[in-house]
């Protein structure tokens, strides 16, 4: 009777192990299905991220070009202003003109700071 009981216990243990293995395989299958279902979303996400990066780089390049243009314009204005100062200095002969020129320069410096 001992061997029959032993065999029966072994069969019950094997059955429990087989059921655990079946549940594990079902969980693995569900995980694989979920992963496969998510792949198109991942692909779409990667596409969206890459597109956003390209758009960001393009916008950055446009803004950089604007800054460079403003810098050039500022430099041109400084050059023109400097030439104007020279002309004004050459034309201001009397003391009152020199005083007015000094005031004008001081106001311009305040403005450009």
C-alpha atoms as a PDB file:
ATOM      1  CA  UNK A   1       0.000   0.000   0.000  1.00  0.00           C
ATOM      2  CA  UNK A   2       3.003   2.223   0.618  1.00  0.00           C
ATOM      3  CA  UNK A   3       4.151   2.174  -2.964  1.00  0.00           C
ATOM      4  CA  UNK A   4       0.677   2.997  -4.272  1.00  0.00           C
ATOM      5  CA  UNK A   5       0.427   5.943  -1.880  1.00  0.00           C
ATOM      6  CA  UNK A   6       3.930   7.049  -2.860  1.00  0.00           C
ATOM      7  CA  UNK A   7       3.041   6.872  -6.540  1.00  0.00           C
ATOM      8  CA  UNK A   8      -0.157   8.767  -5.916  1.00  0.00           C
ATOM      9  CA  UNK A   9       1.711  11.499  -3.985  1.00  0.00           C
ATOM     10  CA  UNK A  10       4.291  11.732  -6.747  1.00  0.00           C
ATOM     11  CA  UNK A  11       1.557  12.032  -9.378  1.00  0.00           C
ATOM     12  CA  UNK A  12      -0.125  14.806  -7.338  1.00  0.00           C
ATOM     13  CA  UNK A  13       3.216  16.646  -7.029  1.00  0.00           C
ATOM     14  CA  UNK A  14       3.848  16.251 -10.760  1.00  0.00           C
ATOM     15  CA  UNK A  15       0.345  17.526 -11.502  1.00  0.00           C
ATOM     16  CA  UNK A  16       0.887  20.612  -9.278  1.00  0.00           C
ATOM     17  CA  UNK A  17       4.249  21.275 -10.923  1.00  0.00           C
ATOM     18  CA  UNK A  18       2.671  20.916 -14.388  1.00  0.00           C
ATOM     19  CA  UNK A  19      -0.106  23.353 -13.415  1.00  0.00           C
ATOM     20  CA  UNK A  20       2.484  25.902 -12.132  1.00  0.00           C
ATOM     21  CA  UNK A  21       4.455  25.509 -15.351  1.00  0.00           C
ATOM     22  CA  UNK A  22       1.279  25.983 -17.413  1.00  0.00           C
ATOM     23  CA  UNK A  23       0.423  29.207 -15.497  1.00  0.00           C
ATOM     24  CA  UNK A  24       3.995  30.452 -16.014  1.00  0.00           C
ATOM     25  CA  UNK A  25       3.798  29.725 -19.747  1.00  0.00           C
ATOM     26  CA  UNK A  26       0.419  31.504 -19.956  1.00  0.00           C
ATOM     27  CA  UNK A  27       1.929  34.549 -18.166  1.00  0.00           C
ATOM     28  CA  UNK A  28       4.925  34.501 -20.517  1.00  0.00           C
ATOM     29  CA  UNK A  29       2.617  34.292 -23.532  1.00  0.00           C
ATOM     30  CA  UNK A  30       0.560  37.240 -22.250  1.00  0.00           C
ATOM     31  CA  UNK A  31       3.755  39.241 -21.705  1.00  0.00           C
ATOM     32  CA  UNK A  32       4.944  38.486 -25.262  1.00  0.00           C
ATOM     33  CA  UNK A  33       1.525  39.442 -26.680  1.00  0.00           C
ATOM     34  CA  UNK A  34       1.531  42.721 -24.702  1.00  0.00           C
ATOM     35  CA  UNK A  35       5.053  43.478 -25.908  1.00  0.00           C
ATOM     36  CA  UNK A  36       4.100  42.795 -29.521  1.00  0.00           C
ATOM     37  CA  UNK A  37       0.988  44.952 -29.163  1.00  0.00           C
ATOM     38  CA  UNK A  38       3.097  47.797 -27.744  1.00  0.00           C
ATOM     39  CA  UNK A  39       5.691  47.710 -30.535  1.00  0.00           C
ATOM     40  CA  UNK A  40       3.689  49.822 -32.994  1.00  0.00           C
ATOM     41  CA  UNK A  41       3.229  52.382 -30.199  1.00  0.00           C
ATOM     42  CA  UNK A  42       6.953  52.333 -29.501  1.00  0.00           C
ATOM     43  CA  UNK A  43       7.656  52.792 -33.201  1.00  0.00           C
ATOM     44  CA  UNK A  44       5.201  55.686 -33.403  1.00  0.00           C
ATOM     45  CA  UNK A  45       6.773  57.209 -30.285  1.00  0.00           C
ATOM     46  CA  UNK A  46      10.271  56.946 -31.774  1.00  0.00           C
ATOM     47  CA  UNK A  47       9.001  58.521 -35.002  1.00  0.00           C
ATOM     48  CA  UNK A  48       7.362  61.360 -33.066  1.00  0.00           C
ATOM     49  CA  UNK A  49      10.486  61.939 -30.967  1.00  0.00           C
ATOM     50  CA  UNK A  50      12.723  62.009 -34.054  1.00  0.00           C
ATOM     51  CA  UNK A  51      10.322  64.377 -35.797  1.00  0.00           C
ATOM     52  CA  UNK A  52      10.280  66.677 -32.758  1.00  0.00           C
ATOM     53  CA  UNK A  53      14.074  66.626 -32.665  1.00  0.00           C
ATOM     54  CA  UNK A  54      14.262  67.621 -36.335  1.00  0.00           C
ATOM     55  CA  UNK A  55      11.699  70.397 -35.818  1.00  0.00           C
ATOM     56  CA  UNK A  56      13.567  71.601 -32.726  1.00  0.00           C
ATOM     57  CA  UNK A  57      16.888  71.641 -34.559  1.00  0.00           C
ATOM     58  CA  UNK A  58      15.303  73.532 -37.446  1.00  0.00           C
ATOM     59  CA  UNK A  59      13.710  76.096 -35.106  1.00  0.00           C
ATOM     60  CA  UNK A  60      17.012  76.485 -33.271  1.00  0.00           C
ATOM     61  CA  UNK A  61      18.825  77.099 -36.559  1.00  0.00           C
ATOM     62  CA  UNK A  62      16.231  79.734 -37.524  1.00  0.00           C
ATOM     63  CA  UNK A  63      16.587  81.492 -34.159  1.00  0.00           C
ATOM     64  CA  UNK A  64      20.367  81.359 -34.395  1.00  0.00           C
ATOM     65  CA  UNK A  65      20.201  82.971 -37.845  1.00  0.00           C
ATOM     66  CA  UNK A  66      17.970  85.721 -36.411  1.00  0.00           C
ATOM     67  CA  UNK A  67      20.444  86.362 -33.591  1.00  0.00           C
ATOM     68  CA  UNK A  68      23.327  86.513 -36.068  1.00  0.00           C
ATOM     69  CA  UNK A  69      21.377  88.967 -38.242  1.00  0.00           C
ATOM     70  CA  UNK A  70      20.572  91.157 -35.225  1.00  0.00           C
ATOM     71  CA  UNK A  71      24.216  91.061 -34.174  1.00  0.00           C
ATOM     72  CA  UNK A  72      25.304  92.163 -37.664  1.00  0.00           C
ATOM     73  CA  UNK A  73      22.693  94.916 -37.663  1.00  0.00           C
ATOM     74  CA  UNK A  74      23.866  96.072 -34.225  1.00  0.00           C
ATOM     75  CA  UNK A  75      27.472  96.167 -35.388  1.00  0.00           C
ATOM     76  CA  UNK A  76      26.483  98.147 -38.485  1.00  0.00           C
ATOM     77  CA  UNK A  77      24.551 100.619 -36.323  1.00  0.00           C
ATOM     78  CA  UNK A  78      27.526 101.018 -33.988  1.00  0.00           C
ATOM     79  CA  UNK A  79      29.780 101.725 -36.967  1.00  0.00           C
ATOM     80  CA  UNK A  80      27.328 104.277 -38.345  1.00  0.00           C
ATOM     81  CA  UNK A  81      26.946 105.897 -34.921  1.00  0.00           C
ATOM     82  CA  UNK A  82      30.705 106.112 -34.564  1.00  0.00           C
ATOM     83  CA  UNK A  83      30.940 107.809 -37.959  1.00  0.00           C
ATOM     84  CA  UNK A  84      28.191 110.237 -36.909  1.00  0.00           C
ATOM     85  CA  UNK A  85      30.144 111.110 -33.723  1.00  0.00           C
ATOM     86  CA  UNK A  86      33.220 111.854 -35.784  1.00  0.00           C
ATOM     87  CA  UNK A  87      31.261 114.113 -38.119  1.00  0.00           C
ATOM     88  CA  UNK A  88      29.620 115.908 -35.168  1.00  0.00           C
ATOM     89  CA  UNK A  89      32.972 116.332 -33.425  1.00  0.00           C
ATOM     90  CA  UNK A  90      34.497 117.811 -36.576  1.00  0.00           C
ATOM     91  CA  UNK A  91      31.614 120.249 -37.043  1.00  0.00           C
ATOM     92  CA  UNK A  92      31.389 121.386 -33.396  1.00  0.00           C
ATOM     93  CA  UNK A  93      33.773 124.305 -33.171  1.00  0.00           C
ATOM     94  CA  UNK A  94      32.519 126.509 -30.352  1.00  0.00           C
ATOM     95  CA  UNK A  95      32.322 125.670 -26.641  1.00  0.00           C
ATOM     96  CA  UNK A  96      28.506 125.421 -26.513  1.00  0.00           C
ATOM     97  CA  UNK A  97      28.499 122.823 -29.301  1.00  0.00           C
ATOM     98  CA  UNK A  98      31.174 120.840 -27.449  1.00  0.00           C
ATOM     99  CA  UNK A  99      29.070 120.911 -24.238  1.00  0.00           C
ATOM    100  CA  UNK A 100      25.957 119.791 -26.163  1.00  0.00           C
ATOM    101  CA  UNK A 101      28.004 117.046 -27.826  1.00  0.00           C
ATOM    102  CA  UNK A 102      29.217 115.766 -24.441  1.00  0.00           C
ATOM    103  CA  UNK A 103      25.624 115.678 -23.127  1.00  0.00           C
ATOM    104  CA  UNK A 104      24.485 113.883 -26.277  1.00  0.00           C
ATOM    105  CA  UNK A 105      27.262 111.301 -25.933  1.00  0.00           C
ATOM    106  CA  UNK A 106      26.392 110.703 -22.261  1.00  0.00           C
ATOM    107  CA  UNK A 107      22.726 110.166 -23.122  1.00  0.00           C
ATOM    108  CA  UNK A 108      23.670 107.817 -25.963  1.00  0.00           C
ATOM    109  CA  UNK A 109      25.942 105.793 -23.670  1.00  0.00           C
ATOM    110  CA  UNK A 110      23.113 105.458 -21.120  1.00  0.00           C
ATOM    111  CA  UNK A 111      20.748 104.364 -23.876  1.00  0.00           C
ATOM    112  CA  UNK A 112      23.078 101.696 -25.288  1.00  0.00           C
ATOM    113  CA  UNK A 113      24.026 100.186 -21.926  1.00  0.00           C
END
